[in-house]
């Protein structure tokens, strides 16, 4: 998508503080962190919603979750972390490209 900020980050057109990248995903620091560690994990394939999952995208999402778990200790998240996927404007999704917020590095409150 030509106007998608995450697609531009994936393409290297916009700089980001990348911590991990492979052929399917990129993980980088959120520019407005809500926890001591706040990262975004973005699939390189553009799609906005979980409702757009087909078998291939569901498999990609599974590999993505496994990669987050595998990388957690090296990302400073050995003591635990929270994953958040916002879906739609009412849920706070500001970028219409599926992404996973990874929060940790401290005890996280459970708030509404």
PDB file of N, CA and C in Angstrom:
ATOM      1  N   UNK A   1       0.855  -1.179   0.000  1.00  0.00           N
ATOM      2  CA  UNK A   1       0.000   0.000   0.000  1.00  0.00           C
ATOM      3  C   UNK A   1       0.897   1.237   0.000  1.00  0.00           C
ATOM      4  N   UNK A   2       0.676   2.112  -0.928  1.00  0.00           N
ATOM      5  CA  UNK A   2       1.584   3.241  -1.104  1.00  0.00           C
ATOM      6  C   UNK A   2       1.548   4.264   0.021  1.00  0.00           C
ATOM      7  N   UNK A   3       0.449   4.394   0.751  1.00  0.00           N
ATOM      8  CA  UNK A   3       0.370   5.378   1.826  1.00  0.00           C
ATOM      9  C   UNK A   3       0.480   4.769   3.215  1.00  0.00           C
ATOM     10  N   UNK A   4       0.810   3.503   3.309  1.00  0.00           N
ATOM     11  CA  UNK A   4       0.898   2.813   4.597  1.00  0.00           C
ATOM     12  C   UNK A   4       2.270   3.044   5.225  1.00  0.00           C
ATOM     13  N   UNK A   5       2.271   3.641   6.419  1.00  0.00           N
ATOM     14  CA  UNK A   5       3.539   3.933   7.088  1.00  0.00           C
ATOM     15  C   UNK A   5       4.331   2.656   7.385  1.00  0.00           C
ATOM     16  N   UNK A   6       3.639   1.567   7.744  1.00  0.00           N
ATOM     17  CA  UNK A   6       4.362   0.325   8.033  1.00  0.00           C
ATOM     18  C   UNK A   6       4.938  -0.288   6.768  1.00  0.00           C
ATOM     19  N   UNK A   7       4.244  -0.185   5.646  1.00  0.00           N
ATOM     20  CA  UNK A   7       4.805  -0.665   4.381  1.00  0.00           C
ATOM     21  C   UNK A   7       6.058   0.133   4.020  1.00  0.00           C
ATOM     22  N   UNK A   8       6.032   1.431   4.315  1.00  0.00           N
ATOM     23  CA  UNK A   8       7.205   2.272   4.037  1.00  0.00           C
ATOM     24  C   UNK A   8       8.363   1.920   4.956  1.00  0.00           C
ATOM     25  N   UNK A   9       8.087   1.566   6.209  1.00  0.00           N
ATOM     26  CA  UNK A   9       9.144   1.113   7.122  1.00  0.00           C
ATOM     27  C   UNK A   9       9.715  -0.206   6.630  1.00  0.00           C
ATOM     28  N   UNK A  10       8.843  -1.139   6.248  1.00  0.00           N
ATOM     29  CA  UNK A  10       9.280  -2.432   5.720  1.00  0.00           C
ATOM     30  C   UNK A  10      10.173  -2.237   4.502  1.00  0.00           C
ATOM     31  N   UNK A  11       9.805  -1.310   3.626  1.00  0.00           N
ATOM     32  CA  UNK A  11      10.565  -1.050   2.401  1.00  0.00           C
ATOM     33  C   UNK A  11      11.836  -0.246   2.643  1.00  0.00           C
ATOM     34  N   UNK A  12      12.037   0.246   3.868  1.00  0.00           N
ATOM     35  CA  UNK A  12      13.213   1.046   4.173  1.00  0.00           C
ATOM     36  C   UNK A  12      13.082   2.501   3.767  1.00  0.00           C
ATOM     37  N   UNK A  13      11.884   2.929   3.400  1.00  0.00           N
ATOM     38  CA  UNK A  13      11.667   4.313   2.992  1.00  0.00           C
ATOM     39  C   UNK A  13      11.550   5.261   4.178  1.00  0.00           C
ATOM     40  N   UNK A  14      11.171   4.731   5.330  1.00  0.00           N
ATOM     41  CA  UNK A  14      11.084   5.498   6.570  1.00  0.00           C
ATOM     42  C   UNK A  14      11.980   4.801   7.581  1.00  0.00           C
ATOM     43  N   UNK A  15      12.872   5.539   8.241  1.00  0.00           N
ATOM     44  CA  UNK A  15      13.758   4.893   9.222  1.00  0.00           C
ATOM     45  C   UNK A  15      12.991   4.440  10.457  1.00  0.00           C
ATOM     46  N   UNK A  16      13.505   3.386  11.060  1.00  0.00           N
ATOM     47  CA  UNK A  16      12.945   2.886  12.312  1.00  0.00           C
ATOM     48  C   UNK A  16      14.074   2.245  13.109  1.00  0.00           C
ATOM     49  N   UNK A  17      13.827   2.066  14.393  1.00  0.00           N
ATOM     50  CA  UNK A  17      14.816   1.409  15.257  1.00  0.00           C
ATOM     51  C   UNK A  17      14.536  -0.095  15.223  1.00  0.00           C
ATOM     52  N   UNK A  18      14.956  -0.741  14.130  1.00  0.00           N
ATOM     53  CA  UNK A  18      14.714  -2.165  13.931  1.00  0.00           C
ATOM     54  C   UNK A  18      15.566  -2.996  14.875  1.00  0.00           C
ATOM     55  N   UNK A  19      14.921  -3.980  15.471  1.00  0.00           N
ATOM     56  CA  UNK A  19      15.614  -4.921  16.347  1.00  0.00           C
ATOM     57  C   UNK A  19      15.697  -6.307  15.731  1.00  0.00           C
ATOM     58  N   UNK A  20      14.818  -6.585  14.774  1.00  0.00           N
ATOM     59  CA  UNK A  20      14.808  -7.890  14.120  1.00  0.00           C
ATOM     60  C   UNK A  20      14.120  -7.746  12.774  1.00  0.00           C
ATOM     61  N   UNK A  21      14.625  -8.506  11.799  1.00  0.00           N
ATOM     62  CA  UNK A  21      13.987  -8.553  10.492  1.00  0.00           C
ATOM     63  C   UNK A  21      14.333  -9.869   9.828  1.00  0.00           C
ATOM     64  N   UNK A  22      13.336 -10.473   9.196  1.00  0.00           N
ATOM     65  CA  UNK A  22      13.569 -11.636   8.358  1.00  0.00           C
ATOM     66  C   UNK A  22      12.719 -11.476   7.105  1.00  0.00           C
ATOM     67  N   UNK A  23      12.505 -12.523   6.371  1.00  0.00           N
ATOM     68  CA  UNK A  23      11.755 -12.425   5.126  1.00  0.00           C
ATOM     69  C   UNK A  23      10.275 -12.165   5.304  1.00  0.00           C
ATOM     70  N   UNK A  24       9.750 -12.353   6.519  1.00  0.00           N
ATOM     71  CA  UNK A  24       8.308 -12.237   6.740  1.00  0.00           C
ATOM     72  C   UNK A  24       7.883 -11.109   7.662  1.00  0.00           C
ATOM     73  N   UNK A  25       8.741 -10.726   8.618  1.00  0.00           N
ATOM     74  CA  UNK A  25       8.352  -9.738   9.628  1.00  0.00           C
ATOM     75  C   UNK A  25       9.489  -8.770   9.912  1.00  0.00           C
ATOM     76  N   UNK A  26       9.127  -7.685  10.557  1.00  0.00           N
ATOM     77  CA  UNK A  26      10.102  -6.747  11.102  1.00  0.00           C
ATOM     78  C   UNK A  26       9.617  -6.361  12.500  1.00  0.00           C
ATOM     79  N   UNK A  27      10.551  -6.236  13.429  1.00  0.00           N
ATOM     80  CA  UNK A  27      10.250  -5.792  14.793  1.00  0.00           C
ATOM     81  C   UNK A  27      11.067  -4.532  15.044  1.00  0.00           C
ATOM     82  N   UNK A  28      10.380  -3.487  15.491  1.00  0.00           N
ATOM     83  CA  UNK A  28      11.060  -2.221  15.756  1.00  0.00           C
ATOM     84  C   UNK A  28      10.441  -1.539  16.963  1.00  0.00           C
ATOM     85  N   UNK A  29      11.155  -0.550  17.490  1.00  0.00           N
ATOM     86  CA  UNK A  29      10.686   0.183  18.663  1.00  0.00           C
ATOM     87  C   UNK A  29       9.536   1.105  18.293  1.00  0.00           C
ATOM     88  N   UNK A  30       8.516   1.138  19.149  1.00  0.00           N
ATOM     89  CA  UNK A  30       7.398   2.058  18.977  1.00  0.00           C
ATOM     90  C   UNK A  30       7.886   3.473  19.276  1.00  0.00           C
ATOM     91  N   UNK A  31       7.433   4.440  18.490  1.00  0.00           N
ATOM     92  CA  UNK A  31       7.889   5.826  18.697  1.00  0.00           C
ATOM     93  C   UNK A  31       7.157   6.525  19.834  1.00  0.00           C
ATOM     94  N   UNK A  32       6.079   5.924  20.334  1.00  0.00           N
ATOM     95  CA  UNK A  32       5.334   6.481  21.466  1.00  0.00           C
ATOM     96  C   UNK A  32       5.112   5.366  22.486  1.00  0.00           C
ATOM     97  N   UNK A  33       6.188   4.953  23.167  1.00  0.00           N
ATOM     98  CA  UNK A  33       6.099   3.773  24.034  1.00  0.00           C
ATOM     99  C   UNK A  33       5.134   3.945  25.209  1.00  0.00           C
ATOM    100  N   UNK A  34       4.406   2.846  25.481  1.00  0.00           N
ATOM    101  CA  UNK A  34       3.485   2.793  26.612  1.00  0.00           C
ATOM    102  C   UNK A  34       4.007   1.892  27.724  1.00  0.00           C
ATOM    103  N   UNK A  35       5.213   1.393  27.559  1.00  0.00           N
ATOM    104  CA  UNK A  35       5.891   0.578  28.572  1.00  0.00           C
ATOM    105  C   UNK A  35       7.387   0.785  28.379  1.00  0.00           C
ATOM    106  N   UNK A  36       8.163   0.339  29.376  1.00  0.00           N
ATOM    107  CA  UNK A  36       9.616   0.503  29.258  1.00  0.00           C
ATOM    108  C   UNK A  36      10.121  -0.116  27.958  1.00  0.00           C
ATOM    109  N   UNK A  37       9.591  -1.272  27.605  1.00  0.00           N
ATOM    110  CA  UNK A  37       9.863  -1.873  26.299  1.00  0.00           C
ATOM    111  C   UNK A  37       8.531  -1.912  25.553  1.00  0.00           C
ATOM    112  N   UNK A  38       8.472  -1.238  24.422  1.00  0.00           N
ATOM    113  CA  UNK A  38       7.273  -1.243  23.582  1.00  0.00           C
ATOM    114  C   UNK A  38       7.748  -1.376  22.144  1.00  0.00           C
ATOM    115  N   UNK A  39       7.511  -2.556  21.593  1.00  0.00           N
ATOM    116  CA  UNK A  39       7.937  -2.871  20.239  1.00  0.00           C
ATOM    117  C   UNK A  39       6.722  -3.130  19.374  1.00  0.00           C
ATOM    118  N   UNK A  40       6.908  -3.018  18.074  1.00  0.00           N
ATOM    119  CA  UNK A  40       5.880  -3.381  17.115  1.00  0.00           C
ATOM    120  C   UNK A  40       6.422  -4.489  16.228  1.00  0.00           C
ATOM    121  N   UNK A  41       5.632  -5.513  16.038  1.00  0.00           N
ATOM    122  CA  UNK A  41       5.964  -6.599  15.123  1.00  0.00           C
ATOM    123  C   UNK A  41       5.006  -6.494  13.947  1.00  0.00           C
ATOM    124  N   UNK A  42       5.565  -6.308  12.759  1.00  0.00           N
ATOM    125  CA  UNK A  42       4.766  -6.035  11.573  1.00  0.00           C
ATOM    126  C   UNK A  42       5.064  -7.081  10.504  1.00  0.00           C
ATOM    127  N   UNK A  43       4.038  -7.797  10.043  1.00  0.00           N
ATOM    128  CA  UNK A  43       4.246  -8.669   8.887  1.00  0.00           C
ATOM    129  C   UNK A  43       4.585  -7.821   7.668  1.00  0.00           C
ATOM    130  N   UNK A  44       5.466  -8.317   6.831  1.00  0.00           N
ATOM    131  CA  UNK A  44       5.820  -7.564   5.633  1.00  0.00           C
ATOM    132  C   UNK A  44       4.678  -7.540   4.625  1.00  0.00           C
ATOM    133  N   UNK A  45       3.830  -8.549   4.649  1.00  0.00           N
ATOM    134  CA  UNK A  45       2.657  -8.559   3.774  1.00  0.00           C
ATOM    135  C   UNK A  45       1.607  -7.608   4.345  1.00  0.00           C
ATOM    136  N   UNK A  46       1.075  -6.757   3.496  1.00  0.00           N
ATOM    137  CA  UNK A  46       0.078  -5.792   3.963  1.00  0.00           C
ATOM    138  C   UNK A  46      -1.305  -6.431   4.013  1.00  0.00           C
ATOM    139  N   UNK A  47      -1.884  -6.447   5.186  1.00  0.00           N
ATOM    140  CA  UNK A  47      -3.302  -6.700   5.397  1.00  0.00           C
ATOM    141  C   UNK A  47      -3.643  -6.053   6.722  1.00  0.00           C
ATOM    142  N   UNK A  48      -4.889  -5.640   6.885  1.00  0.00           N
ATOM    143  CA  UNK A  48      -5.243  -4.799   8.018  1.00  0.00           C
ATOM    144  C   UNK A  48      -5.863  -5.547   9.186  1.00  0.00           C
ATOM    145  N   UNK A  49      -6.648  -6.583   8.907  1.00  0.00           N
ATOM    146  CA  UNK A  49      -7.492  -7.164   9.948  1.00  0.00           C
ATOM    147  C   UNK A  49      -7.354  -8.679  10.031  1.00  0.00           C
ATOM    148  N   UNK A  50      -7.591  -9.195  11.211  1.00  0.00           N
ATOM    149  CA  UNK A  50      -7.613 -10.641  11.408  1.00  0.00           C
ATOM    150  C   UNK A  50      -8.685 -11.295  10.541  1.00  0.00           C
ATOM    151  N   UNK A  51      -9.736 -10.565  10.258  1.00  0.00           N
ATOM    152  CA  UNK A  51     -10.802 -11.103   9.409  1.00  0.00           C
ATOM    153  C   UNK A  51     -10.325 -11.361   7.981  1.00  0.00           C
ATOM    154  N   UNK A  52      -9.154 -10.853   7.614  1.00  0.00           N
ATOM    155  CA  UNK A  52      -8.585 -11.075   6.285  1.00  0.00           C
ATOM    156  C   UNK A  52      -7.677 -12.301   6.236  1.00  0.00           C
ATOM    157  N   UNK A  53      -7.581 -13.042   7.353  1.00  0.00           N
ATOM    158  CA  UNK A  53      -6.716 -14.211   7.367  1.00  0.00           C
ATOM    159  C   UNK A  53      -7.266 -15.299   6.455  1.00  0.00           C
ATOM    160  N   UNK A  54      -6.404 -15.818   5.611  1.00  0.00           N
ATOM    161  CA  UNK A  54      -6.665 -17.054   4.898  1.00  0.00           C
ATOM    162  C   UNK A  54      -5.674 -18.070   5.484  1.00  0.00           C
ATOM    163  N   UNK A  55      -5.581 -19.251   4.926  1.00  0.00           N
ATOM    164  CA  UNK A  55      -4.689 -20.263   5.502  1.00  0.00           C
ATOM    165  C   UNK A  55      -3.233 -19.797   5.521  1.00  0.00           C
ATOM    166  N   UNK A  56      -2.779 -19.142   4.455  1.00  0.00           N
ATOM    167  CA  UNK A  56      -1.388 -18.686   4.392  1.00  0.00           C
ATOM    168  C   UNK A  56      -1.108 -17.589   5.422  1.00  0.00           C
ATOM    169  N   UNK A  57      -2.017 -16.645   5.546  1.00  0.00           N
ATOM    170  CA  UNK A  57      -1.829 -15.568   6.525  1.00  0.00           C
ATOM    171  C   UNK A  57      -1.947 -16.089   7.953  1.00  0.00           C
ATOM    172  N   UNK A  58      -2.823 -17.052   8.176  1.00  0.00           N
ATOM    173  CA  UNK A  58      -2.928 -17.652   9.513  1.00  0.00           C
ATOM    174  C   UNK A  58      -1.625 -18.363   9.868  1.00  0.00           C
ATOM    175  N   UNK A  59      -1.026 -19.052   8.897  1.00  0.00           N
ATOM    176  CA  UNK A  59       0.261 -19.713   9.142  1.00  0.00           C
ATOM    177  C   UNK A  59       1.350 -18.674   9.405  1.00  0.00           C
ATOM    178  N   UNK A  60       1.337 -17.576   8.667  1.00  0.00           N
ATOM    179  CA  UNK A  60       2.275 -16.474   8.898  1.00  0.00           C
ATOM    180  C   UNK A  60       2.122 -15.934  10.312  1.00  0.00           C
ATOM    181  N   UNK A  61       0.899 -15.733  10.751  1.00  0.00           N
ATOM    182  CA  UNK A  61       0.654 -15.221  12.095  1.00  0.00           C
ATOM    183  C   UNK A  61       1.167 -16.206  13.143  1.00  0.00           C
ATOM    184  N   UNK A  62       0.980 -17.491  12.920  1.00  0.00           N
ATOM    185  CA  UNK A  62       1.513 -18.498  13.833  1.00  0.00           C
ATOM    186  C   UNK A  62       3.033 -18.453  13.905  1.00  0.00           C
ATOM    187  N   UNK A  63       3.691 -18.345  12.755  1.00  0.00           N
ATOM    188  CA  UNK A  63       5.160 -18.236  12.745  1.00  0.00           C
ATOM    189  C   UNK A  63       5.612 -16.952  13.430  1.00  0.00           C
ATOM    190  N   UNK A  64       4.838 -15.883  13.246  1.00  0.00           N
ATOM    191  CA  UNK A  64       5.162 -14.601  13.872  1.00  0.00           C
ATOM    192  C   UNK A  64       5.106 -14.711  15.390  1.00  0.00           C
ATOM    193  N   UNK A  65       4.060 -15.324  15.916  1.00  0.00           N
ATOM    194  CA  UNK A  65       3.950 -15.496  17.372  1.00  0.00           C
ATOM    195  C   UNK A  65       5.080 -16.362  17.907  1.00  0.00           C
ATOM    196  N   UNK A  66       5.439 -17.401  17.182  1.00  0.00           N
ATOM    197  CA  UNK A  66       6.559 -18.263  17.606  1.00  0.00           C
ATOM    198  C   UNK A  66       7.859 -17.469  17.604  1.00  0.00           C
ATOM    199  N   UNK A  67       8.069 -16.649  16.604  1.00  0.00           N
ATOM    200  CA  UNK A  67       9.298 -15.842  16.523  1.00  0.00           C
ATOM    201  C   UNK A  67       9.367 -14.859  17.679  1.00  0.00           C
ATOM    202  N   UNK A  68       8.238 -14.232  18.038  1.00  0.00           N
ATOM    203  CA  UNK A  68       8.221 -13.326  19.182  1.00  0.00           C
ATOM    204  C   UNK A  68       8.626 -14.087  20.444  1.00  0.00           C
ATOM    205  N   UNK A  69       8.064 -15.264  20.646  1.00  0.00           N
ATOM    206  CA  UNK A  69       8.403 -16.072  21.824  1.00  0.00           C
ATOM    207  C   UNK A  69       9.881 -16.455  21.822  1.00  0.00           C
ATOM    208  N   UNK A  70      10.404 -16.832  20.675  1.00  0.00           N
ATOM    209  CA  UNK A  70      11.820 -17.214  20.573  1.00  0.00           C
ATOM    210  C   UNK A  70      12.745 -16.035  20.858  1.00  0.00           C
ATOM    211  N   UNK A  71      12.354 -14.844  20.411  1.00  0.00           N
ATOM    212  CA  UNK A  71      13.197 -13.655  20.563  1.00  0.00           C
ATOM    213  C   UNK A  71      13.035 -12.958  21.914  1.00  0.00           C
ATOM    214  N   UNK A  72      11.974 -13.275  22.639  1.00  0.00           N
ATOM    215  CA  UNK A  72      11.645 -12.535  23.869  1.00  0.00           C
ATOM    216  C   UNK A  72      12.844 -12.336  24.798  1.00  0.00           C
ATOM    217  N   UNK A  73      13.613 -13.382  25.127  1.00  0.00           N
ATOM    218  CA  UNK A  73      14.746 -13.146  26.043  1.00  0.00           C
ATOM    219  C   UNK A  73      15.764 -12.139  25.494  1.00  0.00           C
ATOM    220  N   UNK A  74      16.054 -12.213  24.209  1.00  0.00           N
ATOM    221  CA  UNK A  74      17.047 -11.294  23.638  1.00  0.00           C
ATOM    222  C   UNK A  74      16.507  -9.880  23.488  1.00  0.00           C
ATOM    223  N   UNK A  75      15.188  -9.719  23.570  1.00  0.00           N
ATOM    224  CA  UNK A  75      14.569  -8.400  23.497  1.00  0.00           C
ATOM    225  C   UNK A  75      14.370  -7.781  24.880  1.00  0.00           C
ATOM    226  N   UNK A  76      14.840  -8.462  25.924  1.00  0.00           N
ATOM    227  CA  UNK A  76      14.697  -7.950  27.288  1.00  0.00           C
ATOM    228  C   UNK A  76      13.377  -8.314  27.925  1.00  0.00           C
ATOM    229  N   UNK A  77      12.724  -9.355  27.407  1.00  0.00           N
ATOM    230  CA  UNK A  77      11.383  -9.708  27.850  1.00  0.00           C
ATOM    231  C   UNK A  77      11.319 -11.072  28.538  1.00  0.00           C
ATOM    232  N   UNK A  78      12.424 -11.511  29.102  1.00  0.00           N
ATOM    233  CA  UNK A  78      12.471 -12.837  29.735  1.00  0.00           C
ATOM    234  C   UNK A  78      11.517 -12.952  30.914  1.00  0.00           C
ATOM    235  N   UNK A  79      11.197 -11.846  31.564  1.00  0.00           N
ATOM    236  CA  UNK A  79      10.320 -11.869  32.743  1.00  0.00           C
ATOM    237  C   UNK A  79       8.843 -11.795  32.390  1.00  0.00           C
ATOM    238  N   UNK A  80       8.532 -11.649  31.108  1.00  0.00           N
ATOM    239  CA  UNK A  80       7.142 -11.604  30.666  1.00  0.00           C
ATOM    240  C   UNK A  80       6.885 -10.431  29.744  1.00  0.00           C
ATOM    241  N   UNK A  81       5.795 -10.542  29.019  1.00  0.00           N
ATOM    242  CA  UNK A  81       5.422  -9.495  28.068  1.00  0.00           C
ATOM    243  C   UNK A  81       3.947  -9.638  27.733  1.00  0.00           C
ATOM    244  N   UNK A  82       3.402  -8.591  27.168  1.00  0.00           N
ATOM    245  CA  UNK A  82       2.008  -8.566  26.739  1.00  0.00           C
ATOM    246  C   UNK A  82       1.983  -8.332  25.232  1.00  0.00           C
ATOM    247  N   UNK A  83       1.103  -9.057  24.544  1.00  0.00           N
ATOM    248  CA  UNK A  83       0.883  -8.851  23.118  1.00  0.00           C
ATOM    249  C   UNK A  83      -0.495  -8.241  22.928  1.00  0.00           C
ATOM    250  N   UNK A  84      -0.573  -7.218  22.083  1.00  0.00           N
ATOM    251  CA  UNK A  84      -1.838  -6.539  21.826  1.00  0.00           C
ATOM    252  C   UNK A  84      -1.996  -6.388  20.316  1.00  0.00           C
ATOM    253  N   UNK A  85      -3.176  -6.771  19.820  1.00  0.00           N
ATOM    254  CA  UNK A  85      -3.530  -6.555  18.420  1.00  0.00           C
ATOM    255  C   UNK A  85      -4.829  -5.764  18.411  1.00  0.00           C
ATOM    256  N   UNK A  86      -4.747  -4.498  18.046  1.00  0.00           N
ATOM    257  CA  UNK A  86      -5.930  -3.651  17.956  1.00  0.00           C
ATOM    258  C   UNK A  86      -6.595  -3.878  16.598  1.00  0.00           C
ATOM    259  N   UNK A  87      -7.917  -3.983  16.609  1.00  0.00           N
ATOM    260  CA  UNK A  87      -8.672  -4.239  15.384  1.00  0.00           C
ATOM    261  C   UNK A  87      -9.775  -3.202  15.233  1.00  0.00           C
ATOM    262  N   UNK A  88      -9.584  -2.248  14.353  1.00  0.00           N
ATOM    263  CA  UNK A  88     -10.580  -1.215  14.092  1.00  0.00           C
ATOM    264  C   UNK A  88     -10.361   0.038  14.924  1.00  0.00           C
ATOM    265  N   UNK A  89     -10.964   1.102  14.484  1.00  0.00           N
ATOM    266  CA  UNK A  89     -10.799   2.402  15.134  1.00  0.00           C
ATOM    267  C   UNK A  89     -11.259   2.393  16.583  1.00  0.00           C
ATOM    268  N   UNK A  90     -12.382   1.735  16.883  1.00  0.00           N
ATOM    269  CA  UNK A  90     -12.875   1.709  18.258  1.00  0.00           C
ATOM    270  C   UNK A  90     -11.920   0.998  19.209  1.00  0.00           C
ATOM    271  N   UNK A  91     -11.051   0.164  18.672  1.00  0.00           N
ATOM    272  CA  UNK A  91     -10.066  -0.540  19.489  1.00  0.00           C
ATOM    273  C   UNK A  91      -8.726   0.192  19.518  1.00  0.00           C
ATOM    274  N   UNK A  92      -8.632   1.305  18.813  1.00  0.00           N
ATOM    275  CA  UNK A  92      -7.398   2.090  18.816  1.00  0.00           C
ATOM    276  C   UNK A  92      -6.443   1.761  17.692  1.00  0.00           C
ATOM    277  N   UNK A  93      -6.891   1.047  16.667  1.00  0.00           N
ATOM    278  CA  UNK A  93      -6.004   0.746  15.542  1.00  0.00           C
ATOM    279  C   UNK A  93      -5.835   2.004  14.700  1.00  0.00           C
ATOM    280  N   UNK A  94      -4.642   2.580  14.758  1.00  0.00           N
ATOM    281  CA  UNK A  94      -4.401   3.830  14.036  1.00  0.00           C
ATOM    282  C   UNK A  94      -3.734   3.599  12.685  1.00  0.00           C
ATOM    283  N   UNK A  95      -3.089   2.461  12.497  1.00  0.00           N
ATOM    284  CA  UNK A  95      -2.475   2.121  11.221  1.00  0.00           C
ATOM    285  C   UNK A  95      -3.179   0.875  10.699  1.00  0.00           C
ATOM    286  N   UNK A  96      -3.730   0.964   9.519  1.00  0.00           N
ATOM    287  CA  UNK A  96      -4.500  -0.139   8.940  1.00  0.00           C
ATOM    288  C   UNK A  96      -3.573  -1.148   8.264  1.00  0.00           C
ATOM    289  N   UNK A  97      -2.637  -1.662   9.040  1.00  0.00           N
ATOM    290  CA  UNK A  97      -1.725  -2.735   8.647  1.00  0.00           C
ATOM    291  C   UNK A  97      -1.592  -3.575   9.907  1.00  0.00           C
ATOM    292  N   UNK A  98      -1.990  -4.844   9.842  1.00  0.00           N
ATOM    293  CA  UNK A  98      -1.953  -5.676  11.037  1.00  0.00           C
ATOM    294  C   UNK A  98      -0.580  -5.582  11.695  1.00  0.00           C
ATOM    295  N   UNK A  99      -0.569  -5.364  12.990  1.00  0.00           N
ATOM    296  CA  UNK A  99       0.683  -5.305  13.739  1.00  0.00           C
ATOM    297  C   UNK A  99       0.411  -5.742  15.167  1.00  0.00           C
ATOM    298  N   UNK A 100       1.453  -6.215  15.800  1.00  0.00           N
ATOM    299  CA  UNK A 100       1.361  -6.713  17.172  1.00  0.00           C
ATOM    300  C   UNK A 100       2.208  -5.812  18.059  1.00  0.00           C
ATOM    301  N   UNK A 101       1.585  -5.227  19.063  1.00  0.00           N
ATOM    302  CA  UNK A 101       2.323  -4.479  20.074  1.00  0.00           C
ATOM    303  C   UNK A 101       2.918  -5.482  21.051  1.00  0.00           C
ATOM    304  N   UNK A 102       4.190  -5.325  21.362  1.00  0.00           N
ATOM    305  CA  UNK A 102       4.881  -6.158  22.344  1.00  0.00           C
ATOM    306  C   UNK A 102       5.299  -5.231  23.473  1.00  0.00           C
ATOM    307  N   UNK A 103       4.720  -5.431  24.660  1.00  0.00           N
ATOM    308  CA  UNK A 103       4.981  -4.548  25.790  1.00  0.00           C
ATOM    309  C   UNK A 103       5.582  -5.339  26.939  1.00  0.00           C
ATOM    310  N   UNK A 104       6.560  -4.768  27.610  1.00  0.00           N
ATOM    311  CA  UNK A 104       7.164  -5.436  28.756  1.00  0.00           C
ATOM    312  C   UNK A 104       8.283  -4.612  29.347  1.00  0.00           C
ATOM    313  N   UNK A 105       9.158  -5.326  30.045  1.00  0.00           N
ATOM    314  CA  UNK A 105      10.275  -4.676  30.694  1.00  0.00           C
ATOM    315  C   UNK A 105       9.935  -4.097  32.064  1.00  0.00           C
ATOM    316  N   UNK A 106       8.706  -4.293  32.495  1.00  0.00           N
ATOM    317  CA  UNK A 106       8.242  -3.804  33.783  1.00  0.00           C
ATOM    318  C   UNK A 106       6.934  -4.531  34.106  1.00  0.00           C
ATOM    319  N   UNK A 107       6.481  -4.405  35.347  1.00  0.00           N
ATOM    320  CA  UNK A 107       5.177  -4.937  35.694  1.00  0.00           C
ATOM    321  C   UNK A 107       4.124  -4.054  35.053  1.00  0.00           C
ATOM    322  N   UNK A 108       3.264  -4.675  34.257  1.00  0.00           N
ATOM    323  CA  UNK A 108       2.255  -3.918  33.520  1.00  0.00           C
ATOM    324  C   UNK A 108       0.935  -3.939  34.252  1.00  0.00           C
ATOM    325  N   UNK A 109       0.323  -2.788  34.413  1.00  0.00           N
ATOM    326  CA  UNK A 109      -1.006  -2.757  35.047  1.00  0.00           C
ATOM    327  C   UNK A 109      -2.050  -3.301  34.091  1.00  0.00           C
ATOM    328  N   UNK A 110      -3.149  -3.739  34.628  1.00  0.00           N
ATOM    329  CA  UNK A 110      -4.279  -4.158  33.803  1.00  0.00           C
ATOM    330  C   UNK A 110      -5.327  -3.073  33.914  1.00  0.00           C
ATOM    331  N   UNK A 111      -5.443  -2.243  32.903  1.00  0.00           N
ATOM    332  CA  UNK A 111      -6.360  -1.108  32.922  1.00  0.00           C
ATOM    333  C   UNK A 111      -7.322  -1.197  31.776  1.00  0.00           C
ATOM    334  N   UNK A 112      -8.449  -0.507  31.917  1.00  0.00           N
ATOM    335  CA  UNK A 112      -9.396  -0.393  30.806  1.00  0.00           C
ATOM    336  C   UNK A 112      -8.910   0.633  29.832  1.00  0.00           C
TER     337      UNK A 112
END
